Amino acid sequence: MAGPVRRAGPGRAGRDRKRSGRPPAFTALQAAQAKALACQLPAKIGTPLARWSCPELAAELTARGITGPISASTVRRWLREDALKPWQHRSWIYITDPDFRAKAERVLDLYTRTWQGEPLGPDEYVISADEKTSIQARCRCHPTLAPGQARAMRVNHTYGRGGAMAYLAAYDVHRARVFGHTESRTGIDPFMTLVAHVMSQEPYASAKRVFWIVDNGSSHRGQKAADRLTRAFPNAVMVHTPVHASWLNQVEIYFSVVQRKVVQPNDFTDLAQVGDRLRAFEDRYNATAQPYRWKFTTSDLDDLLARLDRHTAGHHEESSIALAA
């Protein structure tokens, strides 16, 4: 059965008339001023904060007379429009190595199997090496509880210290194979022990060249370290990353995997258990590992350096203006 027919009432004409609605509580200018405030460092404008939060911004807007009483959710909505997150921060560092580009380019070329403009041969290899320091053995005072339904793994906060060790690793960039061992400390001798462990086995022992990519840590810093490596193994070539550019060293990716999958949460009875776990994981990793899909190229490097140059120029300009004022 059809329902009753509804007629449009007086003034409806089949649709509602335009309504004024509730007037906006804040203007577009106030929203813009709030965003501008969020883009300033609090300490630079006399507010004793390290960084802004939405509640702090709301209070500051009211205190400065920019708005009346305003909620943090309103401020959050305004900031979301321009993807502003002033409560977040990232660290960075000025490039101080005068040969940054040249050194970085050598490393990136090796990742694409190129050296000094020539392709590497089938009997040439690229090794990325470094040390992961201060891996502790923390013995929890109560046993760790396994996860269950709607329950995360639970690790007791209180622990006893069982010492610390270093994990040295060499990663074959193109064969995706890790060679590692543990030491009580880092230094020249432990690093050369790692090198000998790798270079004494095939295919590296009879290779034409084996390139060792390392950072500028004290165990392998400078030309002395390069000469020491070549004296011990004439077919080994040390290649340093630029200063403060360990992120170019692919073994750091492996170390991040170790940190997530082996070290955290730290619950070991002693250092022997730490070493056993690291060696077992190394075998497990090598059984299925594939080379990392390294995407950072020399073109990306040039773009990065150009952005840093623009940032540095802008910083110097602001400093000059401030000094002139």
C-alpha atoms as a PDB file:
ATOM      1  CA  MET A   1       0.000   0.000   0.000  1.00  0.00           C
ATOM      2  CA  ALA A   2       1.361   3.388  -0.953  1.00  0.00           C
ATOM      3  CA  GLY A   3       2.089   5.766   1.880  1.00  0.00           C
ATOM      4  CA  PRO A   4       0.531   9.192   2.332  1.00  0.00           C
ATOM      5  CA  VAL A   5       1.585  11.908  -0.077  1.00  0.00           C
ATOM      6  CA  ARG A   6       3.331  14.831   1.646  1.00  0.00           C
ATOM      7  CA  ARG A   7       2.789  18.263   0.226  1.00  0.00           C
ATOM      8  CA  ALA A   8       5.366  20.974   0.336  1.00  0.00           C
ATOM      9  CA  GLY A   9       4.364  23.399   3.058  1.00  0.00           C
ATOM     10  CA  PRO A  10       4.170  27.127   2.668  1.00  0.00           C
ATOM     11  CA  GLY A  11       7.482  28.579   1.571  1.00  0.00           C
ATOM     12  CA  ARG A  12       9.148  25.178   1.027  1.00  0.00           C
ATOM     13  CA  ALA A  13       8.581  24.897  -2.755  1.00  0.00           C
ATOM     14  CA  GLY A  14      10.002  21.376  -2.559  1.00  0.00           C
ATOM     15  CA  ARG A  15      13.182  22.406  -0.689  1.00  0.00           C
ATOM     16  CA  ASP A  16      14.289  24.292   2.386  1.00  0.00           C
ATOM     17  CA  ARG A  17      14.992  27.975   2.216  1.00  0.00           C
ATOM     18  CA  LYS A  18      18.572  29.119   2.738  1.00  0.00           C
ATOM     19  CA  ARG A  19      19.380  29.432   6.402  1.00  0.00           C
ATOM     20  CA  SER A  20      22.009  31.648   7.930  1.00  0.00           C
ATOM     21  CA  GLY A  21      23.189  28.989  10.390  1.00  0.00           C
ATOM     22  CA  ARG A  22      25.443  29.553  13.324  1.00  0.00           C
ATOM     23  CA  PRO A  23      28.003  32.281  12.619  1.00  0.00           C
ATOM     24  CA  PRO A  24      31.643  31.143  12.769  1.00  0.00           C
ATOM     25  CA  ALA A  25      33.243  31.670  16.164  1.00  0.00           C
ATOM     26  CA  PHE A  26      36.620  32.569  14.646  1.00  0.00           C
ATOM     27  CA  THR A  27      37.730  34.353  11.525  1.00  0.00           C
ATOM     28  CA  ALA A  28      40.047  33.166   8.766  1.00  0.00           C
ATOM     29  CA  LEU A  29      42.546  35.787   9.928  1.00  0.00           C
ATOM     30  CA  GLN A  30      42.625  34.289  13.416  1.00  0.00           C
ATOM     31  CA  ALA A  31      43.197  30.817  11.973  1.00  0.00           C
ATOM     32  CA  ALA A  32      46.070  32.189   9.869  1.00  0.00           C
ATOM     33  CA  GLN A  33      47.583  33.895  12.927  1.00  0.00           C
ATOM     34  CA  ALA A  34      47.358  30.638  14.867  1.00  0.00           C
ATOM     35  CA  LYS A  35      49.235  28.809  12.101  1.00  0.00           C
ATOM     36  CA  ALA A  36      51.859  31.531  11.958  1.00  0.00           C
ATOM     37  CA  LEU A  37      52.368  31.241  15.728  1.00  0.00           C
ATOM     38  CA  ALA A  38      52.725  27.453  15.414  1.00  0.00           C
ATOM     39  CA  CYS A  39      55.527  27.993  12.888  1.00  0.00           C
ATOM     40  CA  GLN A  40      57.638  29.957  15.351  1.00  0.00           C
ATOM     41  CA  LEU A  41      59.961  28.523  17.988  1.00  0.00           C
ATOM     42  CA  PRO A  42      58.322  29.221  21.378  1.00  0.00           C
ATOM     43  CA  ALA A  43      61.557  30.256  23.065  1.00  0.00           C
ATOM     44  CA  LYS A  44      62.280  32.800  20.311  1.00  0.00           C
ATOM     45  CA  ILE A  45      59.080  34.706  21.171  1.00  0.00           C
ATOM     46  CA  GLY A  46      59.483  34.580  24.941  1.00  0.00           C
ATOM     47  CA  THR A  47      57.484  31.458  25.753  1.00  0.00           C
ATOM     48  CA  PRO A  48      59.455  28.995  27.949  1.00  0.00           C
ATOM     49  CA  LEU A  49      58.608  25.879  25.931  1.00  0.00           C
ATOM     50  CA  ALA A  50      60.710  23.576  23.770  1.00  0.00           C
ATOM     51  CA  ARG A  51      57.881  23.038  21.259  1.00  0.00           C
ATOM     52  CA  TRP A  52      54.187  23.733  20.881  1.00  0.00           C
ATOM     53  CA  SER A  53      51.292  21.442  21.724  1.00  0.00           C
ATOM     54  CA  CYS A  54      47.698  22.224  20.771  1.00  0.00           C
ATOM     55  CA  PRO A  55      46.659  23.047  24.368  1.00  0.00           C
ATOM     56  CA  GLU A  56      49.700  25.331  24.747  1.00  0.00           C
ATOM     57  CA  LEU A  57      48.920  27.054  21.441  1.00  0.00           C
ATOM     58  CA  ALA A  58      45.290  27.540  22.474  1.00  0.00           C
ATOM     59  CA  ALA A  59      46.385  29.138  25.750  1.00  0.00           C
ATOM     60  CA  GLU A  60      48.932  31.338  23.967  1.00  0.00           C
ATOM     61  CA  LEU A  61      46.384  32.556  21.408  1.00  0.00           C
ATOM     62  CA  THR A  62      44.087  33.628  24.215  1.00  0.00           C
ATOM     63  CA  ALA A  63      46.885  35.199  26.259  1.00  0.00           C
ATOM     64  CA  ARG A  64      48.038  37.256  23.272  1.00  0.00           C
ATOM     65  CA  GLY A  65      44.518  38.441  22.530  1.00  0.00           C
ATOM     66  CA  ILE A  66      44.518  36.848  19.087  1.00  0.00           C
ATOM     67  CA  THR A  67      41.350  34.934  19.972  1.00  0.00           C
ATOM     68  CA  GLY A  68      38.992  34.600  22.844  1.00  0.00           C
ATOM     69  CA  PRO A  69      38.769  31.304  24.722  1.00  0.00           C
ATOM     70  CA  ILE A  70      39.515  28.542  22.220  1.00  0.00           C
ATOM     71  CA  SER A  71      39.699  24.782  22.484  1.00  0.00           C
ATOM     72  CA  ALA A  72      42.725  22.666  21.648  1.00  0.00           C
ATOM     73  CA  SER A  73      40.607  20.663  19.209  1.00  0.00           C
ATOM     74  CA  THR A  74      39.891  23.799  17.177  1.00  0.00           C
ATOM     75  CA  VAL A  75      43.594  24.597  17.004  1.00  0.00           C
ATOM     76  CA  ARG A  76      44.316  21.003  16.025  1.00  0.00           C
ATOM     77  CA  ARG A  77      41.768  21.231  13.199  1.00  0.00           C
ATOM     78  CA  TRP A  78      43.368  24.422  11.884  1.00  0.00           C
ATOM     79  CA  LEU A  79      46.850  22.921  11.933  1.00  0.00           C
ATOM     80  CA  ARG A  80      45.648  19.762  10.226  1.00  0.00           C
ATOM     81  CA  GLU A  81      44.531  21.833   7.229  1.00  0.00           C
ATOM     82  CA  ASP A  82      48.191  22.619   6.449  1.00  0.00           C
ATOM     83  CA  ALA A  83      49.714  19.418   7.887  1.00  0.00           C
ATOM     84  CA  LEU A  84      51.397  21.402  10.673  1.00  0.00           C
ATOM     85  CA  LYS A  85      52.733  19.343  13.596  1.00  0.00           C
ATOM     86  CA  PRO A  86      54.838  21.679  15.743  1.00  0.00           C
ATOM     87  CA  TRP A  87      55.038  19.100  18.554  1.00  0.00           C
ATOM     88  CA  GLN A  88      57.231  16.887  16.372  1.00  0.00           C
ATOM     89  CA  HIS A  89      60.931  17.388  15.805  1.00  0.00           C
ATOM     90  CA  ARG A  90      63.766  15.823  13.826  1.00  0.00           C
ATOM     91  CA  SER A  91      67.489  16.215  14.310  1.00  0.00           C
ATOM     92  CA  TRP A  92      69.869  17.100  11.514  1.00  0.00           C
ATOM     93  CA  ILE A  93      73.429  18.297  11.103  1.00  0.00           C
ATOM     94  CA  TYR A  94      75.297  20.689   8.851  1.00  0.00           C
ATOM     95  CA  ILE A  95      77.647  19.049   6.393  1.00  0.00           C
ATOM     96  CA  THR A  96      81.195  19.733   7.538  1.00  0.00           C
ATOM     97  CA  ASP A  97      83.106  17.352   5.259  1.00  0.00           C
ATOM     98  CA  PRO A  98      84.482  19.454   2.343  1.00  0.00           C
ATOM     99  CA  ASP A  99      84.621  16.292   0.207  1.00  0.00           C
ATOM    100  CA  PHE A 100      81.131  15.124   1.108  1.00  0.00           C
ATOM    101  CA  ARG A 101      79.833  14.711  -2.423  1.00  0.00           C
ATOM    102  CA  ALA A 102      82.900  12.955  -3.783  1.00  0.00           C
ATOM    103  CA  LYS A 103      83.012  10.484  -0.894  1.00  0.00           C
ATOM    104  CA  ALA A 104      79.274   9.838  -1.004  1.00  0.00           C
ATOM    105  CA  GLU A 105      79.383   9.337  -4.773  1.00  0.00           C
ATOM    106  CA  ARG A 106      82.077   6.676  -4.442  1.00  0.00           C
ATOM    107  CA  VAL A 107      79.903   4.718  -2.006  1.00  0.00           C
ATOM    108  CA  LEU A 108      76.775   5.065  -4.141  1.00  0.00           C
ATOM    109  CA  ASP A 109      78.706   3.989  -7.235  1.00  0.00           C
ATOM    110  CA  LEU A 110      79.895   0.847  -5.452  1.00  0.00           C
ATOM    111  CA  TYR A 111      76.297  -0.024  -4.638  1.00  0.00           C
ATOM    112  CA  THR A 112      75.638   0.007  -8.394  1.00  0.00           C
ATOM    113  CA  ARG A 113      78.835  -2.051  -8.953  1.00  0.00           C
ATOM    114  CA  THR A 114      80.859   0.828 -10.385  1.00  0.00           C
ATOM    115  CA  TRP A 115      84.295   2.115  -9.352  1.00  0.00           C
ATOM    116  CA  GLN A 116      85.931   5.191 -10.865  1.00  0.00           C
ATOM    117  CA  GLY A 117      83.609   5.014 -13.841  1.00  0.00           C
ATOM    118  CA  GLU A 118      84.287   1.350 -14.609  1.00  0.00           C
ATOM    119  CA  PRO A 119      81.941  -1.562 -13.852  1.00  0.00           C
ATOM    120  CA  LEU A 120      83.121  -4.069 -11.261  1.00  0.00           C
ATOM    121  CA  GLY A 121      84.088  -7.510 -12.475  1.00  0.00           C
ATOM    122  CA  PRO A 122      82.504 -10.765 -11.310  1.00  0.00           C
ATOM    123  CA  ASP A 123      85.463 -11.361  -8.956  1.00  0.00           C
ATOM    124  CA  GLU A 124      85.092  -8.002  -7.158  1.00  0.00           C
ATOM    125  CA  TYR A 125      82.974  -7.589  -4.049  1.00  0.00           C
ATOM    126  CA  VAL A 126      81.582  -4.806  -1.869  1.00  0.00           C
ATOM    127  CA  ILE A 127      81.490  -5.202   1.920  1.00  0.00           C
ATOM    128  CA  SER A 128      79.758  -2.805   4.317  1.00  0.00           C
ATOM    129  CA  ALA A 129      81.130  -3.043   7.862  1.00  0.00           C
ATOM    130  CA  ASP A 130      80.700  -1.426  11.261  1.00  0.00           C
ATOM    131  CA  GLU A 131      80.278  -2.082  14.988  1.00  0.00           C
ATOM    132  CA  LYS A 132      77.105  -2.076  17.061  1.00  0.00           C
ATOM    133  CA  THR A 133      78.290  -1.063  20.512  1.00  0.00           C
ATOM    134  CA  SER A 134      76.988  -1.533  24.057  1.00  0.00           C
ATOM    135  CA  ILE A 135      74.566  -4.418  23.563  1.00  0.00           C
ATOM    136  CA  GLN A 136      73.605  -5.133  27.162  1.00  0.00           C
ATOM    137  CA  ALA A 137      72.459  -8.290  28.904  1.00  0.00           C
ATOM    138  CA  ARG A 138      69.558  -7.305  31.140  1.00  0.00           C
ATOM    139  CA  CYS A 139      68.306 -10.120  33.324  1.00  0.00           C
ATOM    140  CA  ARG A 140      64.712  -9.356  34.279  1.00  0.00           C
ATOM    141  CA  CYS A 141      63.868  -9.919  37.921  1.00  0.00           C
ATOM    142  CA  HIS A 142      60.646 -11.702  36.918  1.00  0.00           C
ATOM    143  CA  PRO A 143      60.125 -13.930  33.868  1.00  0.00           C
ATOM    144  CA  THR A 144      58.841 -12.328  30.676  1.00  0.00           C
ATOM    145  CA  LEU A 145      55.213 -13.291  30.040  1.00  0.00           C
ATOM    146  CA  ALA A 146      54.225 -14.489  26.581  1.00  0.00           C
ATOM    147  CA  PRO A 147      51.515 -12.602  24.666  1.00  0.00           C
ATOM    148  CA  GLY A 148      47.939 -13.846  24.725  1.00  0.00           C
ATOM    149  CA  GLN A 149      44.505 -12.901  23.492  1.00  0.00           C
ATOM    150  CA  ALA A 150      44.152  -9.107  23.727  1.00  0.00           C
ATOM    151  CA  ARG A 151      47.382  -9.017  25.736  1.00  0.00           C
ATOM    152  CA  ALA A 152      50.843  -7.895  24.692  1.00  0.00           C
ATOM    153  CA  MET A 153      54.049  -9.540  25.823  1.00  0.00           C
ATOM    154  CA  ARG A 154      54.888  -8.259  29.285  1.00  0.00           C
ATOM    155  CA  VAL A 155      58.466  -7.550  30.316  1.00  0.00           C
ATOM    156  CA  ASN A 156      59.332  -6.710  33.879  1.00  0.00           C
ATOM    157  CA  HIS A 157      60.774  -3.221  34.256  1.00  0.00           C
ATOM    158  CA  THR A 158      63.327  -4.154  36.937  1.00  0.00           C
ATOM    159  CA  TYR A 159      66.472  -5.924  35.806  1.00  0.00           C
ATOM    160  CA  GLY A 160      70.003  -6.801  36.792  1.00  0.00           C
ATOM    161  CA  ARG A 161      72.912  -5.773  34.612  1.00  0.00           C
ATOM    162  CA  GLY A 162      74.882  -8.625  33.056  1.00  0.00           C
ATOM    163  CA  GLY A 163      77.475  -6.551  31.215  1.00  0.00           C
ATOM    164  CA  ALA A 164      77.728  -5.260  27.648  1.00  0.00           C
ATOM    165  CA  MET A 165      79.393  -6.318  24.426  1.00  0.00           C
ATOM    166  CA  ALA A 166      79.987  -5.110  20.883  1.00  0.00           C
ATOM    167  CA  TYR A 167      78.700  -6.836  17.759  1.00  0.00           C
ATOM    168  CA  LEU A 168      80.888  -6.373  14.688  1.00  0.00           C
ATOM    169  CA  ALA A 169      79.389  -7.234  11.317  1.00  0.00           C
ATOM    170  CA  ALA A 170      80.413  -7.217   7.666  1.00  0.00           C
ATOM    171  CA  TYR A 171      77.628  -7.287   5.088  1.00  0.00           C
ATOM    172  CA  ASP A 172      78.202  -8.338   1.481  1.00  0.00           C
ATOM    173  CA  VAL A 173      76.079  -5.758  -0.309  1.00  0.00           C
ATOM    174  CA  HIS A 174      75.360  -7.741  -3.470  1.00  0.00           C
ATOM    175  CA  ARG A 175      75.317 -11.282  -2.076  1.00  0.00           C
ATOM    176  CA  ALA A 176      73.240 -10.330   1.009  1.00  0.00           C
ATOM    177  CA  ARG A 177      75.413 -12.282   3.416  1.00  0.00           C
ATOM    178  CA  VAL A 178      76.394 -11.241   6.934  1.00  0.00           C
ATOM    179  CA  PHE A 179      79.608 -12.148   8.750  1.00  0.00           C
ATOM    180  CA  GLY A 180      79.669 -11.162  12.386  1.00  0.00           C
ATOM    181  CA  HIS A 181      81.236 -11.819  15.732  1.00  0.00           C
ATOM    182  CA  THR A 182      81.074 -10.404  19.232  1.00  0.00           C
ATOM    183  CA  GLU A 183      83.815  -8.696  21.212  1.00  0.00           C
ATOM    184  CA  SER A 184      84.084  -7.298  24.703  1.00  0.00           C
ATOM    185  CA  ARG A 185      85.098  -3.938  23.216  1.00  0.00           C
ATOM    186  CA  THR A 186      85.661  -2.165  19.923  1.00  0.00           C
ATOM    187  CA  GLY A 187      89.002  -1.051  18.532  1.00  0.00           C
ATOM    188  CA  ILE A 188      91.536  -1.645  15.806  1.00  0.00           C
ATOM    189  CA  ASP A 189      92.289  -5.253  16.768  1.00  0.00           C
ATOM    190  CA  PRO A 190      88.635  -6.380  17.000  1.00  0.00           C
ATOM    191  CA  PHE A 191      87.909  -4.755  13.632  1.00  0.00           C
ATOM    192  CA  MET A 192      90.892  -6.405  11.968  1.00  0.00           C
ATOM    193  CA  THR A 193      89.743  -9.725  13.434  1.00  0.00           C
ATOM    194  CA  LEU A 194      86.443  -9.221  11.601  1.00  0.00           C
ATOM    195  CA  VAL A 195      88.306  -8.397   8.396  1.00  0.00           C
ATOM    196  CA  ALA A 196      90.474 -11.497   8.709  1.00  0.00           C
ATOM    197  CA  HIS A 197      87.381 -13.642   9.322  1.00  0.00           C
ATOM    198  CA  VAL A 198      85.923 -12.477   6.005  1.00  0.00           C
ATOM    199  CA  MET A 199      89.065 -12.218   3.882  1.00  0.00           C
ATOM    200  CA  SER A 200      90.355 -15.672   4.830  1.00  0.00           C
ATOM    201  CA  GLN A 201      87.426 -17.424   3.111  1.00  0.00           C
ATOM    202  CA  GLU A 202      86.245 -17.645  -0.444  1.00  0.00           C
ATOM    203  CA  PRO A 203      85.319 -15.901  -2.640  1.00  0.00           C
ATOM    204  CA  TYR A 204      87.085 -12.995  -0.928  1.00  0.00           C
ATOM    205  CA  ALA A 205      90.505 -14.617  -0.392  1.00  0.00           C
ATOM    206  CA  SER A 206      91.129 -14.992  -4.137  1.00  0.00           C
ATOM    207  CA  ALA A 207      89.057 -12.006  -5.294  1.00  0.00           C
ATOM    208  CA  LYS A 208      90.607  -9.337  -7.490  1.00  0.00           C
ATOM    209  CA  ARG A 209      89.375  -6.601  -5.127  1.00  0.00           C
ATOM    210  CA  VAL A 210      87.176  -6.418  -2.057  1.00  0.00           C
ATOM    211  CA  PHE A 211      85.911  -2.934  -1.217  1.00  0.00           C
ATOM    212  CA  TRP A 212      85.282  -2.290   2.483  1.00  0.00           C
ATOM    213  CA  ILE A 213      82.838   0.571   3.111  1.00  0.00           C
ATOM    214  CA  VAL A 214      83.265   1.958   6.631  1.00  0.00           C
ATOM    215  CA  ASP A 215      82.418   5.132   8.510  1.00  0.00           C
ATOM    216  CA  ASN A 216      84.872   7.342  10.374  1.00  0.00           C
ATOM    217  CA  GLY A 217      84.841   5.522  13.701  1.00  0.00           C
ATOM    218  CA  SER A 218      88.105   5.286  15.608  1.00  0.00           C
ATOM    219  CA  SER A 219      88.579   1.600  14.687  1.00  0.00           C
ATOM    220  CA  HIS A 220      88.961   2.382  10.984  1.00  0.00           C
ATOM    221  CA  ARG A 221      89.484   6.113  10.616  1.00  0.00           C
ATOM    222  CA  GLY A 222      91.641   7.848   8.051  1.00  0.00           C
ATOM    223  CA  GLN A 223      94.402   6.863   5.690  1.00  0.00           C
ATOM    224  CA  LYS A 224      96.290   4.922   8.373  1.00  0.00           C
ATOM    225  CA  ALA A 225      93.380   2.505   8.650  1.00  0.00           C
ATOM    226  CA  ALA A 226      93.225   2.157   4.843  1.00  0.00           C
ATOM    227  CA  ASP A 227      96.969   1.443   4.680  1.00  0.00           C
ATOM    228  CA  ARG A 228      96.722  -1.054   7.548  1.00  0.00           C
ATOM    229  CA  LEU A 229      93.949  -2.919   5.728  1.00  0.00           C
ATOM    230  CA  THR A 230      95.877  -3.078   2.443  1.00  0.00           C
ATOM    231  CA  ARG A 231      99.075  -4.269   4.166  1.00  0.00           C
ATOM    232  CA  ALA A 232      97.190  -7.134   5.761  1.00  0.00           C
ATOM    233  CA  PHE A 233      95.164  -7.956   2.638  1.00  0.00           C
ATOM    234  CA  PRO A 234      96.538  -6.492  -0.612  1.00  0.00           C
ATOM    235  CA  ASN A 235      93.261  -7.062  -2.488  1.00  0.00           C
ATOM    236  CA  ALA A 236      91.217  -5.092   0.073  1.00  0.00           C
ATOM    237  CA  VAL A 237      90.323  -1.427  -0.519  1.00  0.00           C
ATOM    238  CA  MET A 238      88.920   0.733   2.279  1.00  0.00           C
ATOM    239  CA  VAL A 239      86.304   3.319   1.269  1.00  0.00           C
ATOM    240  CA  HIS A 240      85.148   5.832   3.875  1.00  0.00           C
ATOM    241  CA  THR A 241      81.719   7.398   3.984  1.00  0.00           C
ATOM    242  CA  PRO A 242      81.682  11.184   4.480  1.00  0.00           C
ATOM    243  CA  VAL A 243      81.869  12.474   8.048  1.00  0.00           C
ATOM    244  CA  HIS A 244      78.473  12.208   9.790  1.00  0.00           C
ATOM    245  CA  ALA A 245      77.053  10.029   7.000  1.00  0.00           C
ATOM    246  CA  SER A 246      76.892   6.545   8.488  1.00  0.00           C
ATOM    247  CA  TRP A 247      73.396   6.343   6.988  1.00  0.00           C
ATOM    248  CA  LEU A 248      75.121   5.651   3.663  1.00  0.00           C
ATOM    249  CA  ASN A 249      76.526   2.416   5.090  1.00  0.00           C
ATOM    250  CA  GLN A 250      74.167  -0.475   4.323  1.00  0.00           C
ATOM    251  CA  VAL A 251      75.240  -2.534   7.335  1.00  0.00           C
ATOM    252  CA  GLU A 252      73.347   0.002   9.451  1.00  0.00           C
ATOM    253  CA  ILE A 253      70.135  -1.401   7.940  1.00  0.00           C
ATOM    254  CA  TYR A 254      71.102  -4.848   9.186  1.00  0.00           C
ATOM    255  CA  PHE A 255      71.875  -3.431  12.628  1.00  0.00           C
ATOM    256  CA  SER A 256      68.401  -1.877  12.750  1.00  0.00           C
ATOM    257  CA  VAL A 257      66.936  -5.313  12.001  1.00  0.00           C
ATOM    258  CA  VAL A 258      69.020  -6.817  14.806  1.00  0.00           C
ATOM    259  CA  GLN A 259      67.834  -4.121  17.206  1.00  0.00           C
ATOM    260  CA  ARG A 260      64.160  -4.789  16.442  1.00  0.00           C
ATOM    261  CA  LYS A 261      64.243  -8.567  16.185  1.00  0.00           C
ATOM    262  CA  VAL A 262      66.962  -9.654  18.602  1.00  0.00           C
ATOM    263  CA  VAL A 263      67.849  -6.990  21.151  1.00  0.00           C
ATOM    264  CA  GLN A 264      64.436  -5.516  22.046  1.00  0.00           C
ATOM    265  CA  PRO A 265      62.967  -6.201  24.493  1.00  0.00           C
ATOM    266  CA  ASN A 266      66.271  -6.865  26.199  1.00  0.00           C
ATOM    267  CA  ASP A 267      65.869  -9.987  28.354  1.00  0.00           C
ATOM    268  CA  PHE A 268      69.035 -12.106  28.569  1.00  0.00           C
ATOM    269  CA  THR A 269      70.462 -14.056  31.478  1.00  0.00           C
ATOM    270  CA  ASP A 270      74.070 -13.165  30.574  1.00  0.00           C
ATOM    271  CA  LEU A 271      76.356 -12.085  27.735  1.00  0.00           C
ATOM    272  CA  ALA A 272      76.823 -15.666  26.555  1.00  0.00           C
ATOM    273  CA  GLN A 273      73.118 -15.837  25.784  1.00  0.00           C
ATOM    274  CA  VAL A 274      73.348 -12.533  23.887  1.00  0.00           C
ATOM    275  CA  GLY A 275      76.172 -13.901  21.746  1.00  0.00           C
ATOM    276  CA  ASP A 276      74.364 -17.187  21.090  1.00  0.00           C
ATOM    277  CA  ARG A 277      71.211 -15.339  20.052  1.00  0.00           C
ATOM    278  CA  LEU A 278      73.119 -13.038  17.688  1.00  0.00           C
ATOM    279  CA  ARG A 279      74.924 -15.936  16.008  1.00  0.00           C
ATOM    280  CA  ALA A 280      71.718 -17.941  15.641  1.00  0.00           C
ATOM    281  CA  PHE A 281      69.919 -14.951  14.158  1.00  0.00           C
ATOM    282  CA  GLU A 282      72.790 -14.371  11.742  1.00  0.00           C
ATOM    283  CA  ASP A 283      72.377 -17.921  10.401  1.00  0.00           C
ATOM    284  CA  ARG A 284      68.626 -17.464  10.165  1.00  0.00           C
ATOM    285  CA  TYR A 285      69.035 -14.150   8.339  1.00  0.00           C
ATOM    286  CA  ASN A 286      71.569 -15.502   5.834  1.00  0.00           C
ATOM    287  CA  ALA A 287      69.279 -18.391   4.936  1.00  0.00           C
ATOM    288  CA  THR A 288      66.670 -16.117   3.326  1.00  0.00           C
ATOM    289  CA  ALA A 289      68.240 -12.655   2.909  1.00  0.00           C
ATOM    290  CA  GLN A 290      67.987 -10.701  -0.330  1.00  0.00           C
ATOM    291  CA  PRO A 291      70.047  -7.597  -1.228  1.00  0.00           C
ATOM    292  CA  TYR A 292      68.538  -4.363   0.015  1.00  0.00           C
ATOM    293  CA  ARG A 293      66.670  -2.378  -2.608  1.00  0.00           C
ATOM    294  CA  TRP A 294      68.829   0.704  -2.254  1.00  0.00           C
ATOM    295  CA  LYS A 295      67.056   3.621  -3.938  1.00  0.00           C
ATOM    296  CA  PHE A 296      69.204   6.633  -2.977  1.00  0.00           C
ATOM    297  CA  THR A 297      71.135   7.623  -6.104  1.00  0.00           C
ATOM    298  CA  THR A 298      73.632  10.318  -7.035  1.00  0.00           C
ATOM    299  CA  SER A 299      70.712  12.374  -8.408  1.00  0.00           C
ATOM    300  CA  ASP A 300      69.060  12.164  -4.984  1.00  0.00           C
ATOM    301  CA  LEU A 301      72.390  13.175  -3.467  1.00  0.00           C
ATOM    302  CA  ASP A 302      72.534  16.309  -5.624  1.00  0.00           C
ATOM    303  CA  ASP A 303      68.941  17.193  -4.689  1.00  0.00           C
ATOM    304  CA  LEU A 304      69.778  16.753  -1.003  1.00  0.00           C
ATOM    305  CA  LEU A 305      72.863  18.955  -1.217  1.00  0.00           C
ATOM    306  CA  ALA A 306      70.907  21.635  -3.104  1.00  0.00           C
ATOM    307  CA  ARG A 307      68.218  21.688  -0.405  1.00  0.00           C
ATOM    308  CA  LEU A 308      70.838  21.930   2.319  1.00  0.00           C
ATOM    309  CA  ASP A 309      72.550  24.788   0.467  1.00  0.00           C
ATOM    310  CA  ARG A 310      69.243  26.682   0.275  1.00  0.00           C
ATOM    311  CA  HIS A 311      68.581  26.039   3.952  1.00  0.00           C
ATOM    312  CA  THR A 312      72.076  27.122   4.948  1.00  0.00           C
ATOM    313  CA  ALA A 313      71.837  30.277   2.826  1.00  0.00           C
ATOM    314  CA  GLY A 314      68.484  31.149   4.404  1.00  0.00           C
ATOM    315  CA  HIS A 315      69.891  30.575   7.887  1.00  0.00           C
ATOM    316  CA  HIS A 316      72.895  32.815   7.231  1.00  0.00           C
ATOM    317  CA  GLU A 317      70.604  35.506   5.814  1.00  0.00           C
ATOM    318  CA  GLU A 318      68.375  35.415   8.887  1.00  0.00           C
ATOM    319  CA  SER A 319      71.463  35.590  11.133  1.00  0.00           C
ATOM    320  CA  SER A 320      72.784  38.608   9.229  1.00  0.00           C
ATOM    321  CA  ILE A 321      69.431  40.394   9.542  1.00  0.00           C
ATOM    322  CA  ALA A 322      69.324  39.666  13.270  1.00  0.00           C
ATOM    323  CA  LEU A 323      72.855  40.977  13.769  1.00  0.00           C
ATOM    324  CA  ALA A 324      72.085  44.108  11.746  1.00  0.00           C
ATOM    325  CA  ALA A 325      68.988  44.734  13.867  1.00  0.00           C
END
